[in-house]
Amino acid sequence: MVNRKELNPEASPQAAFGARVRSAREARGWKQDDLASLVGYSGRHISAVETGRKPPTLRFSRSLDTVLGLTGTAESFGRAWGEIRNGSLLEGFPEYLGQEERAAEIRLFEVGVIPGLLQTPEYAKAIEEGHVKRGTLTPEQAAERVQALAERQAALVRRNPPIVIAVLDESCIRRPIGGARVMDRQLAYLIEFAEQPYNVLQLAPFSIGERRPFNRLVNLLTLPDRSVMSYVESQTDGHLDRETTSVLPLVRAYHQLQAEALSQAASVAVINEVRKGTP
């Protein structure tokens, strides 16, 4: 290989990504054109990614995972893409994203903020701008996160969409984010979400008090093979779990939460009342 460029994976996350692509390709005895034909890109594109001249995209990373059998694993290129695109992510979240896009059913619970899958672009932008003001993100990183969320939402729009069940703590609709206009549009979108045939929306009102089983984000994914995994988050840690012994208690607790929560019709009525109180 006369023109083979030496790579320095320590130079940047993007360089490390490219070096991993080359290593995985060469381990299988493939030329750049061989890998290109499998992932649907040109050999020139593969070369540019490997040498760090072109940043990877989410679509490219997911194609690599499919071809290399890494989808949903800790070693997935989708996860590496997320770390490049969004900066440092909580442990487990990049892998969660890979599983979310293939899930047959998605169950969400959140406190204080609308879940990402249900956020409008304006609401998501306001949240990320808060990170910028606190100095935890650059403006560029904030913009990239908003774009990544849009791509995440778009990935769920498919011929057989997943069932999405969202139970929101009442604080999610009463905490103002981005000002009155942003909140009004966000609440309107929640109502639109509830009207879709594959979606369920419920509010866990303040009145359920100690009967609310969760105090932080909890997501449950049912995969096409009917296996269930959970993803939970704290302020500084995220954890993806596939173990039945620890996931099933969360499933039971989620059912209990739904029993305590308002019906969808009652939830929509409350959201409409909150909208009326929005100037």
C-alpha atoms as a PDB file:
ATOM      1  CA  MET A   1       0.000   0.000   0.000  1.00  0.00           C
ATOM      2  CA  VAL A   2       2.118   2.834  -1.348  1.00  0.00           C
ATOM      3  CA  ASN A   3      -0.076   5.705  -0.162  1.00  0.00           C
ATOM      4  CA  ARG A   4      -1.234   4.203   3.109  1.00  0.00           C
ATOM      5  CA  LYS A   5      -1.396   7.002   5.671  1.00  0.00           C
ATOM      6  CA  GLU A   6      -0.301   6.292   9.210  1.00  0.00           C
ATOM      7  CA  LEU A   7      -3.076   7.057  11.693  1.00  0.00           C
ATOM      8  CA  ASN A   8      -2.842   8.547  15.174  1.00  0.00           C
ATOM      9  CA  PRO A   9      -5.941   7.496  17.112  1.00  0.00           C
ATOM     10  CA  GLU A  10      -4.829   9.649  20.055  1.00  0.00           C
ATOM     11  CA  ALA A  11      -5.149  12.843  18.019  1.00  0.00           C
ATOM     12  CA  SER A  12      -8.919  13.246  18.474  1.00  0.00           C
ATOM     13  CA  PRO A  13     -12.142  11.240  18.897  1.00  0.00           C
ATOM     14  CA  GLN A  14     -12.638  11.551  15.134  1.00  0.00           C
ATOM     15  CA  ALA A  15      -9.162  10.149  14.494  1.00  0.00           C
ATOM     16  CA  ALA A  16      -9.848   7.284  16.895  1.00  0.00           C
ATOM     17  CA  PHE A  17     -13.092   6.548  15.024  1.00  0.00           C
ATOM     18  CA  GLY A  18     -11.239   6.416  11.696  1.00  0.00           C
ATOM     19  CA  ALA A  19      -8.526   4.190  13.088  1.00  0.00           C
ATOM     20  CA  ARG A  20     -11.189   1.784  14.393  1.00  0.00           C
ATOM     21  CA  VAL A  21     -12.834   1.641  10.980  1.00  0.00           C
ATOM     22  CA  ARG A  22      -9.522   0.765   9.330  1.00  0.00           C
ATOM     23  CA  SER A  23      -8.699  -1.817  11.993  1.00  0.00           C
ATOM     24  CA  ALA A  24     -12.108  -3.512  11.680  1.00  0.00           C
ATOM     25  CA  ARG A  25     -11.868  -3.506   7.891  1.00  0.00           C
ATOM     26  CA  GLU A  26      -8.351  -4.904   7.724  1.00  0.00           C
ATOM     27  CA  ALA A  27      -9.127  -7.553  10.335  1.00  0.00           C
ATOM     28  CA  ARG A  28     -11.671  -8.943   7.866  1.00  0.00           C
ATOM     29  CA  GLY A  29      -9.293  -8.706   4.917  1.00  0.00           C
ATOM     30  CA  TRP A  30     -11.413  -6.103   3.163  1.00  0.00           C
ATOM     31  CA  LYS A  31     -10.217  -3.319   0.917  1.00  0.00           C
ATOM     32  CA  GLN A  32     -11.824   0.100   1.229  1.00  0.00           C
ATOM     33  CA  ASP A  33     -13.973  -0.607  -1.824  1.00  0.00           C
ATOM     34  CA  ASP A  34     -15.133  -3.892  -0.266  1.00  0.00           C
ATOM     35  CA  LEU A  35     -16.390  -2.139   2.867  1.00  0.00           C
ATOM     36  CA  ALA A  36     -17.815   0.682   0.766  1.00  0.00           C
ATOM     37  CA  SER A  37     -20.014  -1.679  -1.216  1.00  0.00           C
ATOM     38  CA  LEU A  38     -21.366  -3.227   1.982  1.00  0.00           C
ATOM     39  CA  VAL A  39     -22.263   0.039   3.711  1.00  0.00           C
ATOM     40  CA  GLY A  40     -23.463   1.875   0.614  1.00  0.00           C
ATOM     41  CA  TYR A  41     -20.718   4.484   0.347  1.00  0.00           C
ATOM     42  CA  SER A  42     -17.766   5.054  -1.972  1.00  0.00           C
ATOM     43  CA  GLY A  43     -14.243   3.845  -1.342  1.00  0.00           C
ATOM     44  CA  ARG A  44     -13.174   7.490  -1.319  1.00  0.00           C
ATOM     45  CA  HIS A  45     -15.627   8.142   1.507  1.00  0.00           C
ATOM     46  CA  ILE A  46     -14.220   5.243   3.525  1.00  0.00           C
ATOM     47  CA  SER A  47     -10.717   6.593   3.023  1.00  0.00           C
ATOM     48  CA  ALA A  48     -11.737  10.093   4.121  1.00  0.00           C
ATOM     49  CA  VAL A  49     -13.346   8.783   7.321  1.00  0.00           C
ATOM     50  CA  GLU A  50     -10.407   6.518   8.149  1.00  0.00           C
ATOM     51  CA  THR A  51      -7.901   9.347   7.787  1.00  0.00           C
ATOM     52  CA  GLY A  52     -10.067  11.872   9.641  1.00  0.00           C
ATOM     53  CA  ARG A  53     -10.641  14.107   6.634  1.00  0.00           C
ATOM     54  CA  LYS A  54     -14.411  13.558   6.786  1.00  0.00           C
ATOM     55  CA  PRO A  55     -16.436  13.273  10.008  1.00  0.00           C
ATOM     56  CA  PRO A  56     -18.672  10.215  10.302  1.00  0.00           C
ATOM     57  CA  THR A  57     -22.447  10.620  10.170  1.00  0.00           C
ATOM     58  CA  LEU A  58     -25.038   8.752  12.208  1.00  0.00           C
ATOM     59  CA  ARG A  59     -26.269   6.910   9.106  1.00  0.00           C
ATOM     60  CA  PHE A  60     -22.735   5.847   8.191  1.00  0.00           C
ATOM     61  CA  SER A  61     -22.027   4.699  11.765  1.00  0.00           C
ATOM     62  CA  ARG A  62     -25.206   2.647  11.927  1.00  0.00           C
ATOM     63  CA  SER A  63     -24.399   1.064   8.558  1.00  0.00           C
ATOM     64  CA  LEU A  64     -21.010   0.044   9.916  1.00  0.00           C
ATOM     65  CA  ASP A  65     -22.654  -1.505  12.966  1.00  0.00           C
ATOM     66  CA  THR A  66     -25.028  -3.510  10.779  1.00  0.00           C
ATOM     67  CA  VAL A  67     -22.253  -4.819   8.559  1.00  0.00           C
ATOM     68  CA  LEU A  68     -19.876  -5.545  11.440  1.00  0.00           C
ATOM     69  CA  GLY A  69     -22.479  -6.970  13.813  1.00  0.00           C
ATOM     70  CA  LEU A  70     -21.997  -4.269  16.434  1.00  0.00           C
ATOM     71  CA  THR A  71     -25.506  -2.834  16.663  1.00  0.00           C
ATOM     72  CA  GLY A  72     -26.512  -2.224  20.265  1.00  0.00           C
ATOM     73  CA  THR A  73     -23.131  -3.178  21.718  1.00  0.00           C
ATOM     74  CA  ALA A  74     -20.740  -1.148  23.821  1.00  0.00           C
ATOM     75  CA  GLU A  75     -18.311  -1.224  20.875  1.00  0.00           C
ATOM     76  CA  SER A  76     -20.803   0.134  18.348  1.00  0.00           C
ATOM     77  CA  PHE A  77     -19.776   2.872  15.969  1.00  0.00           C
ATOM     78  CA  GLY A  78     -23.110   4.522  16.664  1.00  0.00           C
ATOM     79  CA  ARG A  79     -21.994   5.014  20.235  1.00  0.00           C
ATOM     80  CA  ALA A  80     -18.632   6.384  19.092  1.00  0.00           C
ATOM     81  CA  TRP A  81     -20.458   8.782  16.761  1.00  0.00           C
ATOM     82  CA  GLY A  82     -22.545  10.015  19.683  1.00  0.00           C
ATOM     83  CA  GLU A  83     -19.436  10.741  21.709  1.00  0.00           C
ATOM     84  CA  ILE A  84     -17.989  12.739  18.804  1.00  0.00           C
ATOM     85  CA  ARG A  85     -21.220  14.559  18.001  1.00  0.00           C
ATOM     86  CA  ASN A  86     -22.489  15.333  21.474  1.00  0.00           C
ATOM     87  CA  GLY A  87     -19.406  15.400  23.620  1.00  0.00           C
ATOM     88  CA  SER A  88     -19.257  13.222  26.717  1.00  0.00           C
ATOM     89  CA  LEU A  89     -22.490  11.251  27.126  1.00  0.00           C
ATOM     90  CA  LEU A  90     -23.712   9.386  30.155  1.00  0.00           C
ATOM     91  CA  GLU A  91     -22.580   5.781  30.266  1.00  0.00           C
ATOM     92  CA  GLY A  92     -25.099   3.527  28.568  1.00  0.00           C
ATOM     93  CA  PHE A  93     -26.962   6.230  26.629  1.00  0.00           C
ATOM     94  CA  PRO A  94     -25.274   5.782  23.223  1.00  0.00           C
ATOM     95  CA  GLU A  95     -25.985   2.053  23.405  1.00  0.00           C
ATOM     96  CA  TYR A  96     -29.555   2.822  24.460  1.00  0.00           C
ATOM     97  CA  LEU A  97     -30.019   4.955  21.332  1.00  0.00           C
ATOM     98  CA  GLY A  98     -28.986   2.043  19.135  1.00  0.00           C
ATOM     99  CA  GLN A  99     -31.615  -0.166  20.756  1.00  0.00           C
ATOM    100  CA  GLU A 100     -34.305   2.519  20.787  1.00  0.00           C
ATOM    101  CA  GLU A 101     -34.412   2.785  17.000  1.00  0.00           C
ATOM    102  CA  ARG A 102     -35.267  -0.916  16.648  1.00  0.00           C
ATOM    103  CA  ALA A 103     -37.653  -1.228  19.603  1.00  0.00           C
ATOM    104  CA  ALA A 104     -41.214  -2.453  19.123  1.00  0.00           C
ATOM    105  CA  GLU A 105     -42.396  -0.595  22.224  1.00  0.00           C
ATOM    106  CA  ILE A 106     -40.915   2.346  24.103  1.00  0.00           C
ATOM    107  CA  ARG A 107     -42.079   3.279  27.599  1.00  0.00           C
ATOM    108  CA  LEU A 108     -40.928   6.595  29.013  1.00  0.00           C
ATOM    109  CA  PHE A 109     -41.105   8.291  32.382  1.00  0.00           C
ATOM    110  CA  GLU A 110     -39.630  11.678  33.161  1.00  0.00           C
ATOM    111  CA  VAL A 111     -39.669  14.275  35.944  1.00  0.00           C
ATOM    112  CA  GLY A 112     -39.333  18.017  35.380  1.00  0.00           C
ATOM    113  CA  VAL A 113     -38.633  18.019  31.645  1.00  0.00           C
ATOM    114  CA  ILE A 114     -40.404  16.690  28.546  1.00  0.00           C
ATOM    115  CA  PRO A 115     -38.680  13.491  27.302  1.00  0.00           C
ATOM    116  CA  GLY A 116     -36.414  14.015  24.318  1.00  0.00           C
ATOM    117  CA  LEU A 117     -38.559  11.971  21.923  1.00  0.00           C
ATOM    118  CA  LEU A 118     -41.489  14.309  22.627  1.00  0.00           C
ATOM    119  CA  GLN A 119     -39.628  17.628  22.530  1.00  0.00           C
ATOM    120  CA  THR A 120     -40.241  20.285  19.901  1.00  0.00           C
ATOM    121  CA  PRO A 121     -37.102  21.783  18.297  1.00  0.00           C
ATOM    122  CA  GLU A 122     -37.683  25.089  20.119  1.00  0.00           C
ATOM    123  CA  TYR A 123     -38.010  23.371  23.493  1.00  0.00           C
ATOM    124  CA  ALA A 124     -34.893  21.278  22.880  1.00  0.00           C
ATOM    125  CA  LYS A 125     -32.966  24.375  21.783  1.00  0.00           C
ATOM    126  CA  ALA A 126     -33.977  26.245  24.954  1.00  0.00           C
ATOM    127  CA  ILE A 127     -32.703  23.387  27.127  1.00  0.00           C
ATOM    128  CA  GLU A 128     -29.365  23.233  25.320  1.00  0.00           C
ATOM    129  CA  GLU A 129     -29.000  27.022  25.478  1.00  0.00           C
ATOM    130  CA  GLY A 130     -29.269  26.668  29.233  1.00  0.00           C
ATOM    131  CA  HIS A 131     -26.240  24.373  29.138  1.00  0.00           C
ATOM    132  CA  VAL A 132     -24.366  26.971  27.071  1.00  0.00           C
ATOM    133  CA  LYS A 133     -25.154  29.727  29.577  1.00  0.00           C
ATOM    134  CA  ARG A 134     -23.861  27.536  32.407  1.00  0.00           C
ATOM    135  CA  GLY A 135     -20.679  26.833  30.444  1.00  0.00           C
ATOM    136  CA  THR A 136     -21.190  23.076  30.210  1.00  0.00           C
ATOM    137  CA  LEU A 137     -21.554  23.081  26.399  1.00  0.00           C
ATOM    138  CA  THR A 138     -20.259  25.193  23.547  1.00  0.00           C
ATOM    139  CA  PRO A 139     -22.819  26.772  21.176  1.00  0.00           C
ATOM    140  CA  GLU A 140     -21.656  24.347  18.499  1.00  0.00           C
ATOM    141  CA  GLN A 141     -22.206  21.335  20.751  1.00  0.00           C
ATOM    142  CA  ALA A 142     -25.652  22.631  21.705  1.00  0.00           C
ATOM    143  CA  ALA A 143     -26.659  22.989  18.055  1.00  0.00           C
ATOM    144  CA  GLU A 144     -25.357  19.513  17.300  1.00  0.00           C
ATOM    145  CA  ARG A 145     -27.375  18.038  20.171  1.00  0.00           C
ATOM    146  CA  VAL A 146     -30.568  19.602  18.857  1.00  0.00           C
ATOM    147  CA  GLN A 147     -29.830  18.196  15.407  1.00  0.00           C
ATOM    148  CA  ALA A 148     -29.010  14.779  16.846  1.00  0.00           C
ATOM    149  CA  LEU A 149     -32.335  14.764  18.710  1.00  0.00           C
ATOM    150  CA  ALA A 150     -34.154  15.543  15.459  1.00  0.00           C
ATOM    151  CA  GLU A 151     -32.395  12.595  13.806  1.00  0.00           C
ATOM    152  CA  ARG A 152     -33.288  10.393  16.776  1.00  0.00           C
ATOM    153  CA  GLN A 153     -36.954  11.338  16.460  1.00  0.00           C
ATOM    154  CA  ALA A 154     -36.908  10.838  12.691  1.00  0.00           C
ATOM    155  CA  ALA A 155     -35.470   7.329  13.100  1.00  0.00           C
ATOM    156  CA  LEU A 156     -38.744   6.244  14.748  1.00  0.00           C
ATOM    157  CA  VAL A 157     -40.854   7.309  11.764  1.00  0.00           C
ATOM    158  CA  ARG A 158     -41.080   4.055   9.853  1.00  0.00           C
ATOM    159  CA  ARG A 159     -43.602   1.738   8.198  1.00  0.00           C
ATOM    160  CA  ASN A 160     -44.288  -0.119  11.452  1.00  0.00           C
ATOM    161  CA  PRO A 161     -43.647   2.522  14.111  1.00  0.00           C
ATOM    162  CA  PRO A 162     -43.062   1.527  17.709  1.00  0.00           C
ATOM    163  CA  ILE A 163     -45.747   1.918  20.351  1.00  0.00           C
ATOM    164  CA  VAL A 164     -44.648   4.850  22.510  1.00  0.00           C
ATOM    165  CA  ILE A 165     -46.106   5.078  26.007  1.00  0.00           C
ATOM    166  CA  ALA A 166     -45.147   8.214  27.913  1.00  0.00           C
ATOM    167  CA  VAL A 167     -46.026   8.879  31.533  1.00  0.00           C
ATOM    168  CA  LEU A 168     -44.966  12.384  32.518  1.00  0.00           C
ATOM    169  CA  ASP A 169     -44.774  13.739  36.004  1.00  0.00           C
ATOM    170  CA  GLU A 170     -47.001  16.818  36.267  1.00  0.00           C
ATOM    171  CA  SER A 171     -43.875  18.918  36.784  1.00  0.00           C
ATOM    172  CA  CYS A 172     -42.960  18.298  33.123  1.00  0.00           C
ATOM    173  CA  ILE A 173     -45.865  20.403  31.839  1.00  0.00           C
ATOM    174  CA  ARG A 174     -45.725  23.060  34.572  1.00  0.00           C
ATOM    175  CA  ARG A 175     -42.005  23.841  34.501  1.00  0.00           C
ATOM    176  CA  PRO A 176     -41.562  26.735  32.040  1.00  0.00           C
ATOM    177  CA  ILE A 177     -38.833  26.158  29.467  1.00  0.00           C
ATOM    178  CA  GLY A 178     -37.963  28.755  26.825  1.00  0.00           C
ATOM    179  CA  GLY A 179     -40.791  31.163  27.608  1.00  0.00           C
ATOM    180  CA  ALA A 180     -44.551  31.196  27.064  1.00  0.00           C
ATOM    181  CA  ARG A 181     -44.572  30.691  23.285  1.00  0.00           C
ATOM    182  CA  VAL A 182     -42.157  27.763  23.401  1.00  0.00           C
ATOM    183  CA  MET A 183     -44.155  26.102  26.171  1.00  0.00           C
ATOM    184  CA  ASP A 184     -47.472  26.627  24.409  1.00  0.00           C
ATOM    185  CA  ARG A 185     -46.156  24.969  21.255  1.00  0.00           C
ATOM    186  CA  GLN A 186     -44.638  22.154  23.297  1.00  0.00           C
ATOM    187  CA  LEU A 187     -47.897  21.475  25.121  1.00  0.00           C
ATOM    188  CA  ALA A 188     -49.780  21.584  21.819  1.00  0.00           C
ATOM    189  CA  TYR A 189     -47.368  18.993  20.454  1.00  0.00           C
ATOM    190  CA  LEU A 190     -48.043  16.700  23.422  1.00  0.00           C
ATOM    191  CA  ILE A 191     -51.730  16.794  22.550  1.00  0.00           C
ATOM    192  CA  GLU A 192     -50.893  16.008  18.918  1.00  0.00           C
ATOM    193  CA  PHE A 193     -48.724  13.130  20.135  1.00  0.00           C
ATOM    194  CA  ALA A 194     -51.620  11.707  22.164  1.00  0.00           C
ATOM    195  CA  GLU A 195     -53.877  11.747  19.096  1.00  0.00           C
ATOM    196  CA  GLN A 196     -51.633   9.357  17.152  1.00  0.00           C
ATOM    197  CA  PRO A 197     -52.819   5.715  17.123  1.00  0.00           C
ATOM    198  CA  TYR A 198     -49.500   4.203  18.234  1.00  0.00           C
ATOM    199  CA  ASN A 199     -49.003   6.575  21.180  1.00  0.00           C
ATOM    200  CA  VAL A 200     -50.218   6.733  24.772  1.00  0.00           C
ATOM    201  CA  LEU A 201     -49.792   9.817  26.974  1.00  0.00           C
ATOM    202  CA  GLN A 202     -50.540   9.978  30.683  1.00  0.00           C
ATOM    203  CA  LEU A 203     -49.788  12.458  33.444  1.00  0.00           C
ATOM    204  CA  ALA A 204     -48.716  11.386  36.919  1.00  0.00           C
ATOM    205  CA  PRO A 205     -50.345  14.189  38.951  1.00  0.00           C
ATOM    206  CA  PHE A 206     -48.747  15.709  42.029  1.00  0.00           C
ATOM    207  CA  SER A 207     -51.614  14.258  44.042  1.00  0.00           C
ATOM    208  CA  ILE A 208     -50.332  10.678  43.797  1.00  0.00           C
ATOM    209  CA  GLY A 209     -47.572  11.714  46.199  1.00  0.00           C
ATOM    210  CA  GLU A 210     -45.602   8.822  47.594  1.00  0.00           C
ATOM    211  CA  ARG A 211     -47.391   6.381  45.273  1.00  0.00           C
ATOM    212  CA  ARG A 212     -45.196   7.531  42.393  1.00  0.00           C
ATOM    213  CA  PRO A 213     -42.637   4.700  42.099  1.00  0.00           C
ATOM    214  CA  PHE A 214     -39.910   6.612  40.212  1.00  0.00           C
ATOM    215  CA  ASN A 215     -38.042   9.794  41.093  1.00  0.00           C
ATOM    216  CA  ARG A 216     -35.913  10.040  37.964  1.00  0.00           C
ATOM    217  CA  LEU A 217     -35.910   9.161  34.274  1.00  0.00           C
ATOM    218  CA  VAL A 218     -36.795   5.543  33.501  1.00  0.00           C
ATOM    219  CA  ASN A 219     -37.078   4.183  29.951  1.00  0.00           C
ATOM    220  CA  LEU A 220     -38.120   0.641  29.061  1.00  0.00           C
ATOM    221  CA  LEU A 221     -37.615  -0.869  25.611  1.00  0.00           C
ATOM    222  CA  THR A 222     -39.377  -3.955  24.289  1.00  0.00           C
ATOM    223  CA  LEU A 223     -37.369  -5.316  21.354  1.00  0.00           C
ATOM    224  CA  PRO A 224     -38.740  -7.283  18.382  1.00  0.00           C
ATOM    225  CA  ASP A 225     -37.851 -10.572  20.112  1.00  0.00           C
ATOM    226  CA  ARG A 226     -39.992  -9.406  23.105  1.00  0.00           C
ATOM    227  CA  SER A 227     -36.997  -9.037  25.408  1.00  0.00           C
ATOM    228  CA  VAL A 228     -37.072  -5.934  27.608  1.00  0.00           C
ATOM    229  CA  MET A 229     -34.255  -3.652  28.665  1.00  0.00           C
ATOM    230  CA  SER A 230     -34.228  -0.629  30.926  1.00  0.00           C
ATOM    231  CA  TYR A 231     -32.335   2.635  30.936  1.00  0.00           C
ATOM    232  CA  VAL A 232     -32.239   4.808  34.043  1.00  0.00           C
ATOM    233  CA  GLU A 233     -30.402   8.048  34.700  1.00  0.00           C
ATOM    234  CA  SER A 234     -29.148  10.150  37.555  1.00  0.00           C
ATOM    235  CA  GLN A 235     -27.506  13.555  37.255  1.00  0.00           C
ATOM    236  CA  THR A 236     -24.106  12.022  36.542  1.00  0.00           C
ATOM    237  CA  ASP A 237     -24.736   8.402  35.542  1.00  0.00           C
ATOM    238  CA  GLY A 238     -26.750   6.379  33.053  1.00  0.00           C
ATOM    239  CA  HIS A 239     -27.263   2.623  33.154  1.00  0.00           C
ATOM    240  CA  LEU A 240     -28.583   0.250  30.476  1.00  0.00           C
ATOM    241  CA  ASP A 241     -29.718  -3.085  31.868  1.00  0.00           C
ATOM    242  CA  ARG A 242     -30.786  -6.318  30.164  1.00  0.00           C
ATOM    243  CA  GLU A 243     -30.893  -8.566  33.230  1.00  0.00           C
ATOM    244  CA  THR A 244     -34.388  -9.950  33.788  1.00  0.00           C
ATOM    245  CA  THR A 245     -34.026  -9.969  37.564  1.00  0.00           C
ATOM    246  CA  SER A 246     -33.457  -6.212  37.670  1.00  0.00           C
ATOM    247  CA  VAL A 247     -35.585  -5.143  34.674  1.00  0.00           C
ATOM    248  CA  LEU A 248     -38.826  -6.906  35.659  1.00  0.00           C
ATOM    249  CA  PRO A 249     -39.247  -4.952  38.915  1.00  0.00           C
ATOM    250  CA  LEU A 250     -39.074  -1.762  36.856  1.00  0.00           C
ATOM    251  CA  VAL A 251     -41.705  -3.135  34.459  1.00  0.00           C
ATOM    252  CA  ARG A 252     -44.001  -3.918  37.390  1.00  0.00           C
ATOM    253  CA  ALA A 253     -43.415  -0.479  38.867  1.00  0.00           C
ATOM    254  CA  TYR A 254     -44.219   1.119  35.505  1.00  0.00           C
ATOM    255  CA  HIS A 255     -47.549  -0.724  35.381  1.00  0.00           C
ATOM    256  CA  GLN A 256     -48.272   0.523  38.896  1.00  0.00           C
ATOM    257  CA  LEU A 257     -47.393   4.039  37.773  1.00  0.00           C
ATOM    258  CA  GLN A 258     -49.831   3.820  34.872  1.00  0.00           C
ATOM    259  CA  ALA A 259     -52.571   2.641  37.236  1.00  0.00           C
ATOM    260  CA  GLU A 260     -52.017   5.709  39.441  1.00  0.00           C
ATOM    261  CA  ALA A 261     -51.650   8.144  36.526  1.00  0.00           C
ATOM    262  CA  LEU A 262     -54.515  10.019  34.873  1.00  0.00           C
ATOM    263  CA  SER A 263     -56.173   8.508  31.823  1.00  0.00           C
ATOM    264  CA  GLN A 264     -55.106   9.864  28.462  1.00  0.00           C
ATOM    265  CA  ALA A 265     -58.325  11.875  28.109  1.00  0.00           C
ATOM    266  CA  ALA A 266     -57.920  13.368  31.581  1.00  0.00           C
ATOM    267  CA  SER A 267     -54.229  14.059  30.890  1.00  0.00           C
ATOM    268  CA  VAL A 268     -55.024  15.944  27.694  1.00  0.00           C
ATOM    269  CA  ALA A 269     -57.647  17.941  29.577  1.00  0.00           C
ATOM    270  CA  VAL A 270     -55.075  18.998  32.177  1.00  0.00           C
ATOM    271  CA  ILE A 271     -52.594  19.974  29.455  1.00  0.00           C
ATOM    272  CA  ASN A 272     -55.273  22.103  27.816  1.00  0.00           C
ATOM    273  CA  GLU A 273     -55.974  23.805  31.146  1.00  0.00           C
ATOM    274  CA  VAL A 274     -52.273  24.563  31.558  1.00  0.00           C
ATOM    275  CA  ARG A 275     -52.220  26.001  28.042  1.00  0.00           C
ATOM    276  CA  LYS A 276     -55.104  28.324  28.892  1.00  0.00           C
ATOM    277  CA  GLY A 277     -53.000  29.637  31.761  1.00  0.00           C
ATOM    278  CA  THR A 278     -50.075  30.293  29.408  1.00  0.00           C
ATOM    279  CA  PRO A 279     -50.075  33.989  28.393  1.00  0.00           C
END
